C-alpha atoms as a PDB file:
ATOM      1  CA  MET A   1     -16.270  -4.720   0.478  1.00  0.00           C
ATOM      2  CA  LEU A   2     -14.502  -6.718   2.390  1.00  0.00           C
ATOM      3  CA  ASP A   3     -12.289  -7.333  -1.091  1.00  0.00           C
ATOM      4  CA  SER A   4     -11.854  -4.102  -1.090  1.00  0.00           C
ATOM      5  CA  THR A   5     -10.740  -3.647   2.206  1.00  0.00           C
ATOM      6  CA  MET A   6      -8.294  -6.576   1.708  1.00  0.00           C
ATOM      7  CA  SER A   7      -6.904  -4.529  -1.176  1.00  0.00           C
ATOM      8  CA  ASP A   8      -6.572  -1.161   0.700  1.00  0.00           C
ATOM      9  CA  LEU A   9      -4.760  -3.451   3.056  1.00  0.00           C
ATOM     10  CA  GLN A  10      -2.584  -4.370   0.868  1.00  0.00           C
ATOM     11  CA  ASN A  11      -2.107  -1.843  -1.374  1.00  0.00           C
ATOM     12  CA  ALA A  12      -1.167  -0.047   2.111  1.00  0.00           C
ATOM     13  CA  GLU A  13       1.238  -2.573   3.209  1.00  0.00           C
ATOM     14  CA  SER A  14       3.007  -2.923  -0.332  1.00  0.00           C
ATOM     15  CA  VAL A  15       3.532   0.426  -0.665  1.00  0.00           C
ATOM     16  CA  ALA A  16       5.139   0.768   2.997  1.00  0.00           C
ATOM     17  CA  ALA A  17       7.184  -1.695   2.421  1.00  0.00           C
ATOM     18  CA  GLU A  18       8.062   0.005  -1.271  1.00  0.00           C
ATOM     19  CA  GLY A  19       9.407   2.779   1.197  1.00  0.00           C
ATOM     20  CA  ASN A  20      11.836   0.846   3.081  1.00  0.00           C
ATOM     21  CA  VAL A  21      13.841  -0.774   0.417  1.00  0.00           C
ATOM     22  CA  GLY A  22      16.709  -0.217   1.050  1.00  0.00           C
ATOM     23  CA  ALA A  23      17.025   1.672   4.515  1.00  0.00           C
ATOM     24  CA  ALA A  24      18.465  -0.686   6.520  1.00  0.00           C
ATOM     25  CA  THR A  25      21.323  -1.477   4.366  1.00  0.00           C
ATOM     26  CA  SER A  26      21.778   1.822   2.420  1.00  0.00           C
ATOM     27  CA  ASP A  27      25.234   3.765   4.070  1.00  0.00           C
ATOM     28  CA  VAL A  28      24.468   6.975   2.416  1.00  0.00           C
ATOM     29  CA  SER A  29      21.757   9.198   4.887  1.00  0.00           C
ATOM     30  CA  PRO A  30      18.841  11.007   2.588  1.00  0.00           C
ATOM     31  CA  THR A  31      18.909  14.519   2.404  1.00  0.00           C
ATOM     32  CA  VAL A  32      16.543  15.581   5.393  1.00  0.00           C
ATOM     33  CA  ARG A  33      14.332  18.239   3.342  1.00  0.00           C
ATOM     34  CA  ARG A  34      12.062  20.210   5.927  1.00  0.00           C
ATOM     35  CA  SER A  35       8.544  22.026   4.598  1.00  0.00           C
ATOM     36  CA  THR A  36       6.706  24.743   5.944  1.00  0.00           C
ATOM     37  CA  SER A  37       3.167  24.193   2.863  1.00  0.00           C
ATOM     38  CA  TYR A  38       1.105  21.986   5.790  1.00  0.00           C
ATOM     39  CA  ALA A  39       2.178  24.751   8.834  1.00  0.00           C
ATOM     40  CA  HIS A  40      -1.213  25.940   8.847  1.00  0.00           C
ATOM     41  CA  ASP A  41      -3.529  22.409   8.594  1.00  0.00           C
ATOM     42  CA  LYS A  42      -0.708  21.224  11.008  1.00  0.00           C
ATOM     43  CA  ALA A  43      -2.812  20.820  13.938  1.00  0.00           C
ATOM     44  CA  LYS A  44      -5.648  19.684  12.398  1.00  0.00           C
ATOM     45  CA  ILE A  45      -3.015  16.817  10.668  1.00  0.00           C
ATOM     46  CA  LEU A  46      -1.616  15.921  13.765  1.00  0.00           C
ATOM     47  CA  ALA A  47      -5.011  15.431  15.746  1.00  0.00           C
ATOM     48  CA  ARG A  48      -6.380  12.928  12.945  1.00  0.00           C
ATOM     49  CA  LEU A  49      -3.665  11.659  13.219  1.00  0.00           C
ATOM     50  CA  ARG A  50      -3.865  11.200  17.098  1.00  0.00           C
ATOM     51  CA  ARG A  51      -7.229  10.112  16.368  1.00  0.00           C
ATOM     52  CA  MET A  52      -6.075   7.528  13.856  1.00  0.00           C
ATOM     53  CA  GLU A  53      -3.417   6.040  16.405  1.00  0.00           C
ATOM     54  CA  GLY A  54      -6.067   5.723  18.882  1.00  0.00           C
ATOM     55  CA  GLN A  55      -8.473   3.625  16.362  1.00  0.00           C
ATOM     56  CA  VAL A  56      -6.159   1.351  15.917  1.00  0.00           C
ATOM     57  CA  ARG A  57      -5.438   1.140  19.181  1.00  0.00           C
ATOM     58  CA  GLY A  58      -9.188   0.297  19.543  1.00  0.00           C
ATOM     59  CA  VAL A  59      -9.396  -2.605  16.741  1.00  0.00           C
ATOM     60  CA  GLN A  60      -5.817  -3.925  18.146  1.00  0.00           C
ATOM     61  CA  ARG A  61      -7.737  -4.859  21.410  1.00  0.00           C
ATOM     62  CA  MET A  62     -10.768  -6.150  19.421  1.00  0.00           C
ATOM     63  CA  VAL A  63      -8.734  -8.502  17.890  1.00  0.00           C
ATOM     64  CA  GLU A  64      -6.966  -9.260  21.304  1.00  0.00           C
ATOM     65  CA  GLU A  65     -10.674  -9.275  22.552  1.00  0.00           C
ATOM     66  CA  ASP A  66     -11.400 -12.363  19.948  1.00  0.00           C
ATOM     67  CA  GLN A  67     -14.618  -9.656  18.580  1.00  0.00           C
ATOM     68  CA  TYR A  68     -16.477 -10.454  15.456  1.00  0.00           C
ATOM     69  CA  CYS A  69     -14.128  -9.997  12.136  1.00  0.00           C
ATOM     70  CA  LEU A  70     -16.528  -8.791  10.465  1.00  0.00           C
ATOM     71  CA  ASP A  71     -16.686  -5.366  13.523  1.00  0.00           C
ATOM     72  CA  VAL A  72     -13.104  -5.727  13.058  1.00  0.00           C
ATOM     73  CA  LEU A  73     -12.990  -4.615   9.505  1.00  0.00           C
ATOM     74  CA  THR A  74     -15.823  -2.143   9.808  1.00  0.00           C
ATOM     75  CA  GLN A  75     -13.198  -0.510  12.234  1.00  0.00           C
ATOM     76  CA  LEU A  76     -10.501  -0.865   9.922  1.00  0.00           C
ATOM     77  CA  SER A  77     -12.521   0.786   7.096  1.00  0.00           C
ATOM     78  CA  ALA A  78     -12.653   3.418   9.335  1.00  0.00           C
ATOM     79  CA  VAL A  79      -8.792   4.256   9.931  1.00  0.00           C
ATOM     80  CA  ILE A  80      -8.425   3.807   5.978  1.00  0.00           C
ATOM     81  CA  ALA A  81     -10.876   5.882   5.310  1.00  0.00           C
ATOM     82  CA  ALA A  82      -8.986   8.797   7.782  1.00  0.00           C
ATOM     83  CA  ALA A  83      -5.768   8.215   6.943  1.00  0.00           C
ATOM     84  CA  ARG A  84      -7.321   8.726   2.852  1.00  0.00           C
ATOM     85  CA  GLN A  85      -8.932  11.966   4.048  1.00  0.00           C
ATOM     86  CA  THR A  86      -5.482  13.121   6.223  1.00  0.00           C
ATOM     87  CA  GLY A  87      -2.986  12.309   3.373  1.00  0.00           C
ATOM     88  CA  LEU A  88      -5.513  14.438   0.619  1.00  0.00           C
ATOM     89  CA  LEU A  89      -4.530  17.019   2.904  1.00  0.00           C
ATOM     90  CA  VAL A  90      -1.064  16.917   2.867  1.00  0.00           C
ATOM     91  CA  LEU A  91      -1.227  16.273  -0.511  1.00  0.00           C
ATOM     92  CA  GLU A  92      -3.122  19.315  -1.091  1.00  0.00           C
ATOM     93  CA  ASP A  93      -0.743  21.282   0.740  1.00  0.00           C
ATOM     94  CA  HIS A  94       1.832  19.883  -0.843  1.00  0.00           C
ATOM     95  CA  VAL A  95       1.379  21.209  -4.298  1.00  0.00           C
ATOM     96  CA  ARG A  96      -0.350  24.274  -3.225  1.00  0.00           C
ATOM     97  CA  GLY A  97       2.656  25.048  -0.409  1.00  0.00           C
ATOM     98  CA  CYS A  98       5.504  23.198  -2.422  1.00  0.00           C
ATOM     99  CA  VAL A  99       4.446  22.989  -5.776  1.00  0.00           C
ATOM    100  CA  LEU A 100       2.984  26.244  -6.848  1.00  0.00           C
ATOM    101  CA  GLY A 101       3.350  28.214  -4.386  1.00  0.00           C
ATOM    102  CA  ALA A 102       6.898  27.966  -3.531  1.00  0.00           C
ATOM    103  CA  ASP A 103      10.552  30.305  -4.732  1.00  0.00           C
ATOM    104  CA  HIS A 104      12.356  26.895  -5.714  1.00  0.00           C
ATOM    105  CA  PRO A 105      15.980  26.976  -6.022  1.00  0.00           C
ATOM    106  CA  ASP A 106      17.939  27.016  -9.198  1.00  0.00           C
ATOM    107  CA  GLU A 107      18.950  23.171  -8.874  1.00  0.00           C
ATOM    108  CA  ILE A 108      14.551  22.055  -8.725  1.00  0.00           C
ATOM    109  CA  ASP A 109      13.663  23.160 -12.231  1.00  0.00           C
ATOM    110  CA  ARG A 110       9.993  22.785 -12.706  1.00  0.00           C
ATOM    111  CA  GLU A 111      10.350  18.931 -14.589  1.00  0.00           C
ATOM    112  CA  GLU A 112      11.914  17.618 -11.569  1.00  0.00           C
ATOM    113  CA  LEU A 113       8.916  19.209  -9.107  1.00  0.00           C
ATOM    114  CA  LEU A 114       6.555  17.554 -12.077  1.00  0.00           C
ATOM    115  CA  THR A 115       7.799  14.290 -12.044  1.00  0.00           C
ATOM    116  CA  GLU A 116       8.087  13.986  -8.005  1.00  0.00           C
ATOM    117  CA  LEU A 117       3.875  15.354  -7.744  1.00  0.00           C
ATOM    118  CA  ILE A 118       3.613  12.692  -9.784  1.00  0.00           C
ATOM    119  CA  GLY A 119       4.908   9.913  -7.812  1.00  0.00           C
ATOM    120  CA  ALA A 120       3.733  11.159  -4.916  1.00  0.00           C
ATOM    121  CA  ILE A 121      -0.295  10.808  -6.858  1.00  0.00           C
ATOM    122  CA  ASP A 122       0.923   7.819  -7.795  1.00  0.00           C
ATOM    123  CA  ARG A 123       1.823   6.311  -4.305  1.00  0.00           C
ATOM    124  CA  PHE A 124      -0.476   8.360  -2.682  1.00  0.00           C
ATOM    125  CA  GLY A 125      -3.400   6.580  -5.330  1.00  0.00           C
ATOM    126  CA  ARG A 126      -1.844   2.570  -5.369  1.00  0.00           C
ATOM    127  CA  SER A 127      -1.940   3.235  -1.202  1.00  0.00           C
ATOM    128  CA  VAL A 128      -5.691   4.347  -0.832  1.00  0.00           C
ATOM    129  CA  GLY A 129      -6.985   2.734  -3.579  1.00  0.00           C
END
């Protein structure tokens, strides 16, 4: 379990780092895209994120108080599981709303949507192991 928890943390860090590559040095800001695909789950997603935020603060407090390392790892596992479930909900909403259900502008073809979806699934899969 310890190896898988550490692997999950390392995967999440590497995925987060990949998302920030070139962010500080890029002169061109990417186009901000908006989505309403998760609108019906937005309250649920925000509640889960707030709960996770509280869990992370609790883990931080545990470390500050020098709590037993296995107890810290147990709480980190709970945070990772919560992130996984929240991510799956957002991914499901993306597939239903952005990929299958939306009217797409002519400049975005199905192949591009498929490539984008595969990339998102790959990144998410690596982060949740």
